[in-house]
Amino acid sequence: MRNSIAYGWAVVSRTVGLQCLASLGLATVYWFVQGGQAALAAGLGGMSIALGNALFAVRLFGARPVPPHQALRALYAAEIVKILVVVALLVLALTVWKLAFGPIIAGLVLAQIVFWIALVVVR
């Protein structure tokens, strides 16, 4: 059954896995081109999106099916958690860890593009 919670978990695990691989690949490229700090920044940018999506799935898919009104509430709560996690990690990266802005945004954009593509390709 394609609308089951198990199917949702399968799609999420593949999608987040692809985001992590893309982020690692971009971090590797940055490592060779600009060094370790840029690689860390690119990896953190991409992994913040992947972590946000993983937490979104944990909140949304829960342990059991729920009534529609609770599912909608879980969807909103999951999106808020995702946004807060991504923003918190980006603020930490830019202000506390003083990482470069360009590689962070490159990692973030790549992970988001991979997410959109994976939702179409991963079935």
PDB file of N, CA and C in Angstrom:
ATOM      1  N   MET A   1       0.841  -1.171   0.000  1.00  0.00           N
ATOM      2  CA  MET A   1       0.000   0.000   0.000  1.00  0.00           C
ATOM      3  C   MET A   1       0.887   1.234   0.000  1.00  0.00           C
ATOM      4  N   ARG A   2       0.729   2.125  -0.971  1.00  0.00           N
ATOM      5  CA  ARG A   2       1.624   3.253  -1.159  1.00  0.00           C
ATOM      6  C   ARG A   2       1.424   4.386  -0.165  1.00  0.00           C
ATOM      7  N   ASN A   3       0.304   4.469   0.501  1.00  0.00           N
ATOM      8  CA  ASN A   3       0.097   5.567   1.437  1.00  0.00           C
ATOM      9  C   ASN A   3       0.320   5.138   2.880  1.00  0.00           C
ATOM     10  N   SER A   4       0.999   4.060   3.075  1.00  0.00           N
ATOM     11  CA  SER A   4       1.230   3.571   4.430  1.00  0.00           C
ATOM     12  C   SER A   4       2.371   4.323   5.097  1.00  0.00           C
ATOM     13  N   ILE A   5       2.427   4.193   6.398  1.00  0.00           N
ATOM     14  CA  ILE A   5       3.511   4.805   7.157  1.00  0.00           C
ATOM     15  C   ILE A   5       4.841   4.168   6.779  1.00  0.00           C
ATOM     16  N   ALA A   6       4.840   2.874   6.529  1.00  0.00           N
ATOM     17  CA  ALA A   6       6.080   2.192   6.138  1.00  0.00           C
ATOM     18  C   ALA A   6       6.608   2.740   4.813  1.00  0.00           C
ATOM     19  N   TYR A   7       5.728   2.994   3.871  1.00  0.00           N
ATOM     20  CA  TYR A   7       6.150   3.565   2.598  1.00  0.00           C
ATOM     21  C   TYR A   7       6.721   4.968   2.822  1.00  0.00           C
ATOM     22  N   GLY A   8       6.092   5.747   3.691  1.00  0.00           N
ATOM     23  CA  GLY A   8       6.605   7.078   4.005  1.00  0.00           C
ATOM     24  C   GLY A   8       8.003   7.028   4.584  1.00  0.00           C
ATOM     25  N   TRP A   9       8.229   6.087   5.487  1.00  0.00           N
ATOM     26  CA  TRP A   9       9.565   5.937   6.079  1.00  0.00           C
ATOM     27  C   TRP A   9      10.586   5.537   5.026  1.00  0.00           C
ATOM     28  N   ALA A  10      10.188   4.684   4.085  1.00  0.00           N
ATOM     29  CA  ALA A  10      11.108   4.255   3.027  1.00  0.00           C
ATOM     30  C   ALA A  10      11.503   5.445   2.146  1.00  0.00           C
ATOM     31  N   VAL A  11      10.536   6.270   1.797  1.00  0.00           N
ATOM     32  CA  VAL A  11      10.828   7.444   0.976  1.00  0.00           C
ATOM     33  C   VAL A  11      11.716   8.424   1.743  1.00  0.00           C
ATOM     34  N   VAL A  12      11.412   8.634   3.002  1.00  0.00           N
ATOM     35  CA  VAL A  12      12.207   9.558   3.817  1.00  0.00           C
ATOM     36  C   VAL A  12      13.641   9.064   3.959  1.00  0.00           C
ATOM     37  N   SER A  13      13.819   7.792   4.241  1.00  0.00           N
ATOM     38  CA  SER A  13      15.183   7.293   4.433  1.00  0.00           C
ATOM     39  C   SER A  13      16.005   7.408   3.156  1.00  0.00           C
ATOM     40  N   ARG A  14      15.395   7.123   2.009  1.00  0.00           N
ATOM     41  CA  ARG A  14      16.124   7.273   0.749  1.00  0.00           C
ATOM     42  C   ARG A  14      16.417   8.741   0.442  1.00  0.00           C
ATOM     43  N   THR A  15      15.448   9.587   0.675  1.00  0.00           N
ATOM     44  CA  THR A  15      15.625  11.011   0.378  1.00  0.00           C
ATOM     45  C   THR A  15      16.683  11.640   1.273  1.00  0.00           C
ATOM     46  N   VAL A  16      16.605  11.385   2.562  1.00  0.00           N
ATOM     47  CA  VAL A  16      17.601  11.937   3.488  1.00  0.00           C
ATOM     48  C   VAL A  16      18.979  11.342   3.197  1.00  0.00           C
ATOM     49  N   GLY A  17      19.023  10.075   2.852  1.00  0.00           N
ATOM     50  CA  GLY A  17      20.293   9.460   2.471  1.00  0.00           C
ATOM     51  C   GLY A  17      20.913  10.132   1.254  1.00  0.00           C
ATOM     52  N   LEU A  18      20.111  10.431   0.247  1.00  0.00           N
ATOM     53  CA  LEU A  18      20.606  11.127  -0.937  1.00  0.00           C
ATOM     54  C   LEU A  18      21.077  12.536  -0.593  1.00  0.00           C
ATOM     55  N   GLN A  19      20.361  13.203   0.302  1.00  0.00           N
ATOM     56  CA  GLN A  19      20.790  14.536   0.726  1.00  0.00           C
ATOM     57  C   GLN A  19      22.143  14.466   1.437  1.00  0.00           C
ATOM     58  N   CYS A  20      22.311  13.473   2.282  1.00  0.00           N
ATOM     59  CA  CYS A  20      23.588  13.315   2.998  1.00  0.00           C
ATOM     60  C   CYS A  20      24.727  13.016   2.027  1.00  0.00           C
ATOM     61  N   LEU A  21      24.473  12.150   1.053  1.00  0.00           N
ATOM     62  CA  LEU A  21      25.506  11.834   0.059  1.00  0.00           C
ATOM     63  C   LEU A  21      25.872  13.060  -0.766  1.00  0.00           C
ATOM     64  N   ALA A  22      24.883  13.818  -1.186  1.00  0.00           N
ATOM     65  CA  ALA A  22      25.158  15.031  -1.964  1.00  0.00           C
ATOM     66  C   ALA A  22      25.936  16.041  -1.127  1.00  0.00           C
ATOM     67  N   SER A  23      25.581  16.188   0.136  1.00  0.00           N
ATOM     68  CA  SER A  23      26.290  17.119   1.020  1.00  0.00           C
ATOM     69  C   SER A  23      27.727  16.679   1.239  1.00  0.00           C
ATOM     70  N   LEU A  24      27.919  15.389   1.418  1.00  0.00           N
ATOM     71  CA  LEU A  24      29.275  14.860   1.577  1.00  0.00           C
ATOM     72  C   LEU A  24      30.098  15.067   0.310  1.00  0.00           C
ATOM     73  N   GLY A  25      29.477  14.851  -0.844  1.00  0.00           N
ATOM     74  CA  GLY A  25      30.169  15.077  -2.112  1.00  0.00           C
ATOM     75  C   GLY A  25      30.571  16.531  -2.293  1.00  0.00           C
ATOM     76  N   LEU A  26      29.654  17.440  -1.982  1.00  0.00           N
ATOM     77  CA  LEU A  26      29.968  18.863  -2.096  1.00  0.00           C
ATOM     78  C   LEU A  26      31.056  19.259  -1.104  1.00  0.00           C
ATOM     79  N   ALA A  27      30.991  18.733   0.102  1.00  0.00           N
ATOM     80  CA  ALA A  27      32.030  19.029   1.109  1.00  0.00           C
ATOM     81  C   ALA A  27      33.391  18.525   0.633  1.00  0.00           C
ATOM     82  N   THR A  28      33.400  17.384  -0.025  1.00  0.00           N
ATOM     83  CA  THR A  28      34.664  16.844  -0.555  1.00  0.00           C
ATOM     84  C   THR A  28      35.231  17.759  -1.629  1.00  0.00           C
ATOM     85  N   VAL A  29      34.380  18.243  -2.508  1.00  0.00           N
ATOM     86  CA  VAL A  29      34.834  19.178  -3.546  1.00  0.00           C
ATOM     87  C   VAL A  29      35.392  20.445  -2.899  1.00  0.00           C
ATOM     88  N   TYR A  30      34.674  20.988  -1.921  1.00  0.00           N
ATOM     89  CA  TYR A  30      35.163  22.177  -1.226  1.00  0.00           C
ATOM     90  C   TYR A  30      36.473  21.902  -0.500  1.00  0.00           C
ATOM     91  N   TRP A  31      36.637  20.699   0.016  1.00  0.00           N
ATOM     92  CA  TRP A  31      37.878  20.344   0.713  1.00  0.00           C
ATOM     93  C   TRP A  31      39.080  20.493  -0.213  1.00  0.00           C
ATOM     94  N   PHE A  32      38.932  19.977  -1.433  1.00  0.00           N
ATOM     95  CA  PHE A  32      40.043  20.031  -2.375  1.00  0.00           C
ATOM     96  C   PHE A  32      40.240  21.419  -2.974  1.00  0.00           C
ATOM     97  N   VAL A  33      39.174  22.191  -3.101  1.00  0.00           N
ATOM     98  CA  VAL A  33      39.272  23.505  -3.755  1.00  0.00           C
ATOM     99  C   VAL A  33      39.623  24.610  -2.765  1.00  0.00           C
ATOM    100  N   GLN A  34      38.960  24.646  -1.609  1.00  0.00           N
ATOM    101  CA  GLN A  34      39.149  25.767  -0.684  1.00  0.00           C
ATOM    102  C   GLN A  34      39.623  25.380   0.713  1.00  0.00           C
ATOM    103  N   GLY A  35      39.697  24.106   1.019  1.00  0.00           N
ATOM    104  CA  GLY A  35      40.204  23.708   2.316  1.00  0.00           C
ATOM    105  C   GLY A  35      39.143  23.229   3.288  1.00  0.00           C
ATOM    106  N   GLY A  36      39.592  22.923   4.494  1.00  0.00           N
ATOM    107  CA  GLY A  36      38.758  22.289   5.499  1.00  0.00           C
ATOM    108  C   GLY A  36      37.614  23.135   6.025  1.00  0.00           C
ATOM    109  N   GLN A  37      37.844  24.440   6.252  1.00  0.00           N
ATOM    110  CA  GLN A  37      36.767  25.296   6.774  1.00  0.00           C
ATOM    111  C   GLN A  37      35.608  25.388   5.787  1.00  0.00           C
ATOM    112  N   ALA A  38      35.930  25.535   4.507  1.00  0.00           N
ATOM    113  CA  ALA A  38      34.881  25.620   3.486  1.00  0.00           C
ATOM    114  C   ALA A  38      34.154  24.286   3.368  1.00  0.00           C
ATOM    115  N   ALA A  39      34.885  23.195   3.479  1.00  0.00           N
ATOM    116  CA  ALA A  39      34.264  21.866   3.422  1.00  0.00           C
ATOM    117  C   ALA A  39      33.308  21.668   4.592  1.00  0.00           C
ATOM    118  N   LEU A  40      33.728  22.083   5.771  1.00  0.00           N
ATOM    119  CA  LEU A  40      32.867  21.991   6.942  1.00  0.00           C
ATOM    120  C   LEU A  40      31.608  22.837   6.768  1.00  0.00           C
ATOM    121  N   ALA A  41      31.774  24.035   6.227  1.00  0.00           N
ATOM    122  CA  ALA A  41      30.637  24.922   6.008  1.00  0.00           C
ATOM    123  C   ALA A  41      29.649  24.318   5.004  1.00  0.00           C
ATOM    124  N   ALA A  42      30.157  23.791   3.894  1.00  0.00           N
ATOM    125  CA  ALA A  42      29.286  23.187   2.878  1.00  0.00           C
ATOM    126  C   ALA A  42      28.571  21.959   3.432  1.00  0.00           C
ATOM    127  N   GLY A  43      29.303  21.132   4.147  1.00  0.00           N
ATOM    128  CA  GLY A  43      28.697  19.945   4.744  1.00  0.00           C
ATOM    129  C   GLY A  43      27.641  20.293   5.768  1.00  0.00           C
ATOM    130  N   LEU A  44      27.906  21.299   6.584  1.00  0.00           N
ATOM    131  CA  LEU A  44      26.934  21.709   7.595  1.00  0.00           C
ATOM    132  C   LEU A  44      25.686  22.306   6.959  1.00  0.00           C
ATOM    133  N   GLY A  45      25.853  23.065   5.896  1.00  0.00           N
ATOM    134  CA  GLY A  45      24.692  23.622   5.202  1.00  0.00           C
ATOM    135  C   GLY A  45      23.775  22.533   4.668  1.00  0.00           C
ATOM    136  N   GLY A  46      24.370  21.534   4.020  1.00  0.00           N
ATOM    137  CA  GLY A  46      23.564  20.438   3.485  1.00  0.00           C
ATOM    138  C   GLY A  46      22.992  19.539   4.561  1.00  0.00           C
ATOM    139  N   MET A  47      23.783  19.257   5.561  1.00  0.00           N
ATOM    140  CA  MET A  47      23.315  18.366   6.627  1.00  0.00           C
ATOM    141  C   MET A  47      22.228  19.019   7.485  1.00  0.00           C
ATOM    142  N   SER A  48      22.220  20.351   7.553  1.00  0.00           N
ATOM    143  CA  SER A  48      21.144  21.008   8.308  1.00  0.00           C
ATOM    144  C   SER A  48      19.798  20.751   7.642  1.00  0.00           C
ATOM    145  N   ILE A  49      19.767  20.770   6.321  1.00  0.00           N
ATOM    146  CA  ILE A  49      18.531  20.465   5.599  1.00  0.00           C
ATOM    147  C   ILE A  49      18.161  18.996   5.780  1.00  0.00           C
ATOM    148  N   ALA A  50      19.145  18.113   5.673  1.00  0.00           N
ATOM    149  CA  ALA A  50      18.876  16.676   5.837  1.00  0.00           C
ATOM    150  C   ALA A  50      18.365  16.371   7.247  1.00  0.00           C
ATOM    151  N   LEU A  51      18.987  16.969   8.257  1.00  0.00           N
ATOM    152  CA  LEU A  51      18.536  16.760   9.632  1.00  0.00           C
ATOM    153  C   LEU A  51      17.132  17.314   9.832  1.00  0.00           C
ATOM    154  N   GLY A  52      16.866  18.477   9.287  1.00  0.00           N
ATOM    155  CA  GLY A  52      15.524  19.049   9.385  1.00  0.00           C
ATOM    156  C   GLY A  52      14.477  18.146   8.757  1.00  0.00           C
ATOM    157  N   ASN A  53      14.789  17.578   7.601  1.00  0.00           N
ATOM    158  CA  ASN A  53      13.845  16.667   6.948  1.00  0.00           C
ATOM    159  C   ASN A  53      13.670  15.369   7.731  1.00  0.00           C
ATOM    160  N   ALA A  54      14.736  14.878   8.329  1.00  0.00           N
ATOM    161  CA  ALA A  54      14.629  13.661   9.141  1.00  0.00           C
ATOM    162  C   ALA A  54      13.750  13.910  10.370  1.00  0.00           C
ATOM    163  N   LEU A  55      13.946  15.043  11.030  1.00  0.00           N
ATOM    164  CA  LEU A  55      13.111  15.373  12.188  1.00  0.00           C
ATOM    165  C   LEU A  55      11.662  15.615  11.779  1.00  0.00           C
ATOM    166  N   PHE A  56      11.462  16.197  10.607  1.00  0.00           N
ATOM    167  CA  PHE A  56      10.123  16.379  10.063  1.00  0.00           C
ATOM    168  C   PHE A  56       9.423  15.031   9.945  1.00  0.00           C
ATOM    169  N   ALA A  57      10.131  14.046   9.413  1.00  0.00           N
ATOM    170  CA  ALA A  57       9.548  12.708   9.227  1.00  0.00           C
ATOM    171  C   ALA A  57       9.229  12.048  10.559  1.00  0.00           C
ATOM    172  N   VAL A  58      10.129  12.189  11.512  1.00  0.00           N
ATOM    173  CA  VAL A  58       9.891  11.590  12.828  1.00  0.00           C
ATOM    174  C   VAL A  58       8.617  12.163  13.446  1.00  0.00           C
ATOM    175  N   ARG A  59       8.453  13.467  13.342  1.00  0.00           N
ATOM    176  CA  ARG A  59       7.268  14.109  13.919  1.00  0.00           C
ATOM    177  C   ARG A  59       6.002  13.777  13.128  1.00  0.00           C
ATOM    178  N   LEU A  60       6.134  13.732  11.809  1.00  0.00           N
ATOM    179  CA  LEU A  60       4.958  13.543  10.966  1.00  0.00           C
ATOM    180  C   LEU A  60       4.464  12.101  10.969  1.00  0.00           C
ATOM    181  N   PHE A  61       5.369  11.148  10.814  1.00  0.00           N
ATOM    182  CA  PHE A  61       4.944   9.760  10.666  1.00  0.00           C
ATOM    183  C   PHE A  61       4.695   9.058  11.991  1.00  0.00           C
ATOM    184  N   GLY A  62       5.210   9.576  13.074  1.00  0.00           N
ATOM    185  CA  GLY A  62       4.913   9.020  14.392  1.00  0.00           C
ATOM    186  C   GLY A  62       4.910   7.503  14.450  1.00  0.00           C
ATOM    187  N   ALA A  63       4.265   6.974  15.432  1.00  0.00           N
ATOM    188  CA  ALA A  63       4.263   5.530  15.649  1.00  0.00           C
ATOM    189  C   ALA A  63       3.021   4.847  15.095  1.00  0.00           C
ATOM    190  N   ARG A  64       1.943   5.604  14.924  1.00  0.00           N
ATOM    191  CA  ARG A  64       0.690   4.962  14.507  1.00  0.00           C
ATOM    192  C   ARG A  64      -0.146   5.951  13.707  1.00  0.00           C
ATOM    193  N   PRO A  65      -1.097   5.455  12.941  1.00  0.00           N
ATOM    194  CA  PRO A  65      -2.002   6.354  12.212  1.00  0.00           C
ATOM    195  C   PRO A  65      -2.858   7.177  13.179  1.00  0.00           C
ATOM    196  N   VAL A  66      -3.179   8.389  12.772  1.00  0.00           N
ATOM    197  CA  VAL A  66      -3.983   9.287  13.606  1.00  0.00           C
ATOM    198  C   VAL A  66      -5.124   9.852  12.760  1.00  0.00           C
ATOM    199  N   PRO A  67      -6.135  10.416  13.411  1.00  0.00           N
ATOM    200  CA  PRO A  67      -7.227  11.061  12.670  1.00  0.00           C
ATOM    201  C   PRO A  67      -6.716  12.246  11.841  1.00  0.00           C
ATOM    202  N   PRO A  68      -7.452  12.643  10.809  1.00  0.00           N
ATOM    203  CA  PRO A  68      -6.983  13.708   9.916  1.00  0.00           C
ATOM    204  C   PRO A  68      -6.630  15.021  10.604  1.00  0.00           C
ATOM    205  N   HIS A  69      -7.427  15.455  11.586  1.00  0.00           N
ATOM    206  CA  HIS A  69      -7.121  16.729  12.240  1.00  0.00           C
ATOM    207  C   HIS A  69      -5.810  16.660  13.022  1.00  0.00           C
ATOM    208  N   GLN A  70      -5.519  15.499  13.598  1.00  0.00           N
ATOM    209  CA  GLN A  70      -4.238  15.342  14.295  1.00  0.00           C
ATOM    210  C   GLN A  70      -3.086  15.243  13.310  1.00  0.00           C
ATOM    211  N   ALA A  71      -3.328  14.643  12.153  1.00  0.00           N
ATOM    212  CA  ALA A  71      -2.287  14.555  11.134  1.00  0.00           C
ATOM    213  C   ALA A  71      -1.923  15.942  10.608  1.00  0.00           C
ATOM    214  N   LEU A  72      -2.918  16.784  10.409  1.00  0.00           N
ATOM    215  CA  LEU A  72      -2.665  18.147   9.952  1.00  0.00           C
ATOM    216  C   LEU A  72      -1.892  18.936  11.008  1.00  0.00           C
ATOM    217  N   ARG A  73      -2.260  18.773  12.265  1.00  0.00           N
ATOM    218  CA  ARG A  73      -1.540  19.428  13.357  1.00  0.00           C
ATOM    219  C   ARG A  73      -0.093  18.935  13.416  1.00  0.00           C
ATOM    220  N   ALA A  74       0.099  17.629  13.219  1.00  0.00           N
ATOM    221  CA  ALA A  74       1.454  17.071  13.213  1.00  0.00           C
ATOM    222  C   ALA A  74       2.268  17.618  12.044  1.00  0.00           C
ATOM    223  N   LEU A  75       1.621  17.814  10.905  1.00  0.00           N
ATOM    224  CA  LEU A  75       2.301  18.379   9.738  1.00  0.00           C
ATOM    225  C   LEU A  75       2.807  19.784  10.035  1.00  0.00           C
ATOM    226  N   TYR A  76       1.963  20.621  10.614  1.00  0.00           N
ATOM    227  CA  TYR A  76       2.367  21.986  10.950  1.00  0.00           C
ATOM    228  C   TYR A  76       3.486  21.991  12.000  1.00  0.00           C
ATOM    229  N   ALA A  77       3.329  21.169  13.008  1.00  0.00           N
ATOM    230  CA  ALA A  77       4.358  21.102  14.051  1.00  0.00           C
ATOM    231  C   ALA A  77       5.684  20.609  13.482  1.00  0.00           C
ATOM    232  N   ALA A  78       5.619  19.626  12.601  1.00  0.00           N
ATOM    233  CA  ALA A  78       6.836  19.085  11.995  1.00  0.00           C
ATOM    234  C   ALA A  78       7.538  20.136  11.150  1.00  0.00           C
ATOM    235  N   GLU A  79       6.781  20.920  10.409  1.00  0.00           N
ATOM    236  CA  GLU A  79       7.384  21.977   9.584  1.00  0.00           C
ATOM    237  C   GLU A  79       8.031  23.053  10.448  1.00  0.00           C
ATOM    238  N   ILE A  80       7.399  23.401  11.551  1.00  0.00           N
ATOM    239  CA  ILE A  80       7.978  24.393  12.460  1.00  0.00           C
ATOM    240  C   ILE A  80       9.281  23.873  13.053  1.00  0.00           C
ATOM    241  N   VAL A  81       9.296  22.616  13.480  1.00  0.00           N
ATOM    242  CA  VAL A  81      10.521  22.018  14.027  1.00  0.00           C
ATOM    243  C   VAL A  81      11.619  22.020  12.974  1.00  0.00           C
ATOM    244  N   LYS A  82      11.282  21.646  11.759  1.00  0.00           N
ATOM    245  CA  LYS A  82      12.262  21.605  10.676  1.00  0.00           C
ATOM    246  C   LYS A  82      12.868  22.983  10.446  1.00  0.00           C
ATOM    247  N   ILE A  83      12.036  23.995  10.344  1.00  0.00           N
ATOM    248  CA  ILE A  83      12.534  25.350  10.098  1.00  0.00           C
ATOM    249  C   ILE A  83      13.400  25.829  11.257  1.00  0.00           C
ATOM    250  N   LEU A  84      12.975  25.576  12.484  1.00  0.00           N
ATOM    251  CA  LEU A  84      13.754  26.000  13.651  1.00  0.00           C
ATOM    252  C   LEU A  84      15.126  25.329  13.700  1.00  0.00           C
ATOM    253  N   VAL A  85      15.181  24.045  13.383  1.00  0.00           N
ATOM    254  CA  VAL A  85      16.459  23.326  13.392  1.00  0.00           C
ATOM    255  C   VAL A  85      17.403  23.890  12.334  1.00  0.00           C
ATOM    256  N   VAL A  86      16.894  24.095  11.131  1.00  0.00           N
ATOM    257  CA  VAL A  86      17.730  24.625  10.054  1.00  0.00           C
ATOM    258  C   VAL A  86      18.233  26.022  10.401  1.00  0.00           C
ATOM    259  N   VAL A  87      17.348  26.881  10.863  1.00  0.00           N
ATOM    260  CA  VAL A  87      17.742  28.249  11.207  1.00  0.00           C
ATOM    261  C   VAL A  87      18.740  28.248  12.364  1.00  0.00           C
ATOM    262  N   ALA A  88      18.507  27.423  13.377  1.00  0.00           N
ATOM    263  CA  ALA A  88      19.432  27.366  14.521  1.00  0.00           C
ATOM    264  C   ALA A  88      20.826  26.921  14.090  1.00  0.00           C
ATOM    265  N   LEU A  89      20.888  25.899  13.249  1.00  0.00           N
ATOM    266  CA  LEU A  89      22.204  25.434  12.781  1.00  0.00           C
ATOM    267  C   LEU A  89      22.893  26.478  11.918  1.00  0.00           C
ATOM    268  N   LEU A  90      22.147  27.182  11.093  1.00  0.00           N
ATOM    269  CA  LEU A  90      22.752  28.215  10.259  1.00  0.00           C
ATOM    270  C   LEU A  90      23.226  29.401  11.089  1.00  0.00           C
ATOM    271  N   VAL A  91      22.453  29.776  12.098  1.00  0.00           N
ATOM    272  CA  VAL A  91      22.883  30.867  12.978  1.00  0.00           C
ATOM    273  C   VAL A  91      24.150  30.470  13.739  1.00  0.00           C
ATOM    274  N   LEU A  92      24.178  29.239  14.241  1.00  0.00           N
ATOM    275  CA  LEU A  92      25.395  28.760  14.917  1.00  0.00           C
ATOM    276  C   LEU A  92      26.592  28.768  13.977  1.00  0.00           C
ATOM    277  N   ALA A  93      26.399  28.296  12.760  1.00  0.00           N
ATOM    278  CA  ALA A  93      27.498  28.223  11.803  1.00  0.00           C
ATOM    279  C   ALA A  93      28.040  29.605  11.457  1.00  0.00           C
ATOM    280  N   LEU A  94      27.160  30.556  11.321  1.00  0.00           N
ATOM    281  CA  LEU A  94      27.596  31.893  10.908  1.00  0.00           C
ATOM    282  C   LEU A  94      28.100  32.753  12.057  1.00  0.00           C
ATOM    283  N   THR A  95      27.478  32.650  13.217  1.00  0.00           N
ATOM    284  CA  THR A  95      27.840  33.561  14.309  1.00  0.00           C
ATOM    285  C   THR A  95      28.821  32.960  15.310  1.00  0.00           C
ATOM    286  N   VAL A  96      28.585  31.740  15.709  1.00  0.00           N
ATOM    287  CA  VAL A  96      29.434  31.135  16.735  1.00  0.00           C
ATOM    288  C   VAL A  96      30.686  30.506  16.119  1.00  0.00           C
ATOM    289  N   TRP A  97      30.481  29.700  15.074  1.00  0.00           N
ATOM    290  CA  TRP A  97      31.611  28.995  14.464  1.00  0.00           C
ATOM    291  C   TRP A  97      32.303  29.808  13.386  1.00  0.00           C
ATOM    292  N   LYS A  98      31.707  30.931  12.968  1.00  0.00           N
ATOM    293  CA  LYS A  98      32.292  31.853  11.985  1.00  0.00           C
ATOM    294  C   LYS A  98      32.690  31.158  10.679  1.00  0.00           C
ATOM    295  N   LEU A  99      31.816  30.313  10.169  1.00  0.00           N
ATOM    296  CA  LEU A  99      32.069  29.633   8.903  1.00  0.00           C
ATOM    297  C   LEU A  99      31.674  30.539   7.738  1.00  0.00           C
ATOM    298  N   ALA A 100      32.237  30.259   6.573  1.00  0.00           N
ATOM    299  CA  ALA A 100      31.993  31.078   5.381  1.00  0.00           C
ATOM    300  C   ALA A 100      30.550  30.928   4.905  1.00  0.00           C
ATOM    301  N   PHE A 101      29.981  32.053   4.477  1.00  0.00           N
ATOM    302  CA  PHE A 101      28.583  32.088   4.054  1.00  0.00           C
ATOM    303  C   PHE A 101      28.351  31.338   2.742  1.00  0.00           C
ATOM    304  N   GLY A 102      29.218  31.527   1.762  1.00  0.00           N
ATOM    305  CA  GLY A 102      29.043  30.928   0.439  1.00  0.00           C
ATOM    306  C   GLY A 102      28.917  29.407   0.457  1.00  0.00           C
ATOM    307  N   PRO A 103      29.871  28.705   1.065  1.00  0.00           N
ATOM    308  CA  PRO A 103      29.757  27.244   1.112  1.00  0.00           C
ATOM    309  C   PRO A 103      28.543  26.748   1.899  1.00  0.00           C
ATOM    310  N   ILE A 104      28.159  27.470   2.943  1.00  0.00           N
ATOM    311  CA  ILE A 104      26.968  27.074   3.710  1.00  0.00           C
ATOM    312  C   ILE A 104      25.742  27.128   2.808  1.00  0.00           C
ATOM    313  N   ILE A 105      25.589  28.227   2.091  1.00  0.00           N
ATOM    314  CA  ILE A 105      24.434  28.385   1.205  1.00  0.00           C
ATOM    315  C   ILE A 105      24.501  27.379   0.062  1.00  0.00           C
ATOM    316  N   ALA A 106      25.684  27.107  -0.460  1.00  0.00           N
ATOM    317  CA  ALA A 106      25.821  26.116  -1.534  1.00  0.00           C
ATOM    318  C   ALA A 106      25.360  24.736  -1.055  1.00  0.00           C
ATOM    319  N   GLY A 107      25.761  24.348   0.154  1.00  0.00           N
ATOM    320  CA  GLY A 107      25.328  23.069   0.712  1.00  0.00           C
ATOM    321  C   GLY A 107      23.837  23.032   0.959  1.00  0.00           C
ATOM    322  N   LEU A 108      23.304  24.111   1.476  1.00  0.00           N
ATOM    323  CA  LEU A 108      21.872  24.198   1.746  1.00  0.00           C
ATOM    324  C   LEU A 108      21.067  24.089   0.448  1.00  0.00           C
ATOM    325  N   VAL A 109      21.460  24.842  -0.569  1.00  0.00           N
ATOM    326  CA  VAL A 109      20.742  24.826  -1.851  1.00  0.00           C
ATOM    327  C   VAL A 109      20.846  23.461  -2.509  1.00  0.00           C
ATOM    328  N   LEU A 110      22.034  22.860  -2.499  1.00  0.00           N
ATOM    329  CA  LEU A 110      22.193  21.533  -3.105  1.00  0.00           C
ATOM    330  C   LEU A 110      21.310  20.505  -2.408  1.00  0.00           C
ATOM    331  N   ALA A 111      21.299  20.505  -1.093  1.00  0.00           N
ATOM    332  CA  ALA A 111      20.473  19.537  -0.360  1.00  0.00           C
ATOM    333  C   ALA A 111      18.988  19.741  -0.645  1.00  0.00           C
ATOM    334  N   GLN A 112      18.568  20.983  -0.787  1.00  0.00           N
ATOM    335  CA  GLN A 112      17.156  21.239  -1.089  1.00  0.00           C
ATOM    336  C   GLN A 112      16.805  20.806  -2.507  1.00  0.00           C
ATOM    337  N   ILE A 113      17.708  21.033  -3.453  1.00  0.00           N
ATOM    338  CA  ILE A 113      17.470  20.580  -4.831  1.00  0.00           C
ATOM    339  C   ILE A 113      17.408  19.060  -4.885  1.00  0.00           C
ATOM    340  N   VAL A 114      18.309  18.403  -4.171  1.00  0.00           N
ATOM    341  CA  VAL A 114      18.286  16.938  -4.116  1.00  0.00           C
ATOM    342  C   VAL A 114      16.972  16.459  -3.509  1.00  0.00           C
ATOM    343  N   PHE A 115      16.469  17.151  -2.506  1.00  0.00           N
ATOM    344  CA  PHE A 115      15.191  16.804  -1.899  1.00  0.00           C
ATOM    345  C   PHE A 115      14.066  16.847  -2.928  1.00  0.00           C
ATOM    346  N   TRP A 116      14.001  17.931  -3.701  1.00  0.00           N
ATOM    347  CA  TRP A 116      12.937  18.070  -4.697  1.00  0.00           C
ATOM    348  C   TRP A 116      13.044  17.008  -5.779  1.00  0.00           C
ATOM    349  N   ILE A 117      14.262  16.752  -6.228  1.00  0.00           N
ATOM    350  CA  ILE A 117      14.456  15.729  -7.262  1.00  0.00           C
ATOM    351  C   ILE A 117      14.130  14.352  -6.711  1.00  0.00           C
ATOM    352  N   ALA A 118      14.567  14.073  -5.497  1.00  0.00           N
ATOM    353  CA  ALA A 118      14.320  12.754  -4.896  1.00  0.00           C
ATOM    354  C   ALA A 118      12.841  12.476  -4.702  1.00  0.00           C
ATOM    355  N   LEU A 119      12.065  13.495  -4.397  1.00  0.00           N
ATOM    356  CA  LEU A 119      10.630  13.277  -4.227  1.00  0.00           C
ATOM    357  C   LEU A 119       9.967  12.860  -5.537  1.00  0.00           C
ATOM    358  N   VAL A 120      10.528  13.254  -6.663  1.00  0.00           N
ATOM    359  CA  VAL A 120       9.985  12.854  -7.961  1.00  0.00           C
ATOM    360  C   VAL A 120      10.528  11.479  -8.368  1.00  0.00           C
ATOM    361  N   VAL A 121      11.828  11.267  -8.134  1.00  0.00           N
ATOM    362  CA  VAL A 121      12.495  10.047  -8.611  1.00  0.00           C
ATOM    363  C   VAL A 121      12.280   8.871  -7.674  1.00  0.00           C
ATOM    364  N   VAL A 122      12.388   9.093  -6.370  1.00  0.00           N
ATOM    365  CA  VAL A 122      12.278   8.005  -5.390  1.00  0.00           C
ATOM    366  C   VAL A 122      10.813   7.641  -5.219  1.00  0.00           C
ATOM    367  N   ARG A 123      10.489   6.433  -5.558  1.00  0.00           N
ATOM    368  CA  ARG A 123       9.085   5.993  -5.439  1.00  0.00           C
ATOM    369  C   ARG A 123       9.018   4.652  -4.797  1.00  0.00           C
TER     370      ARG A 123
END
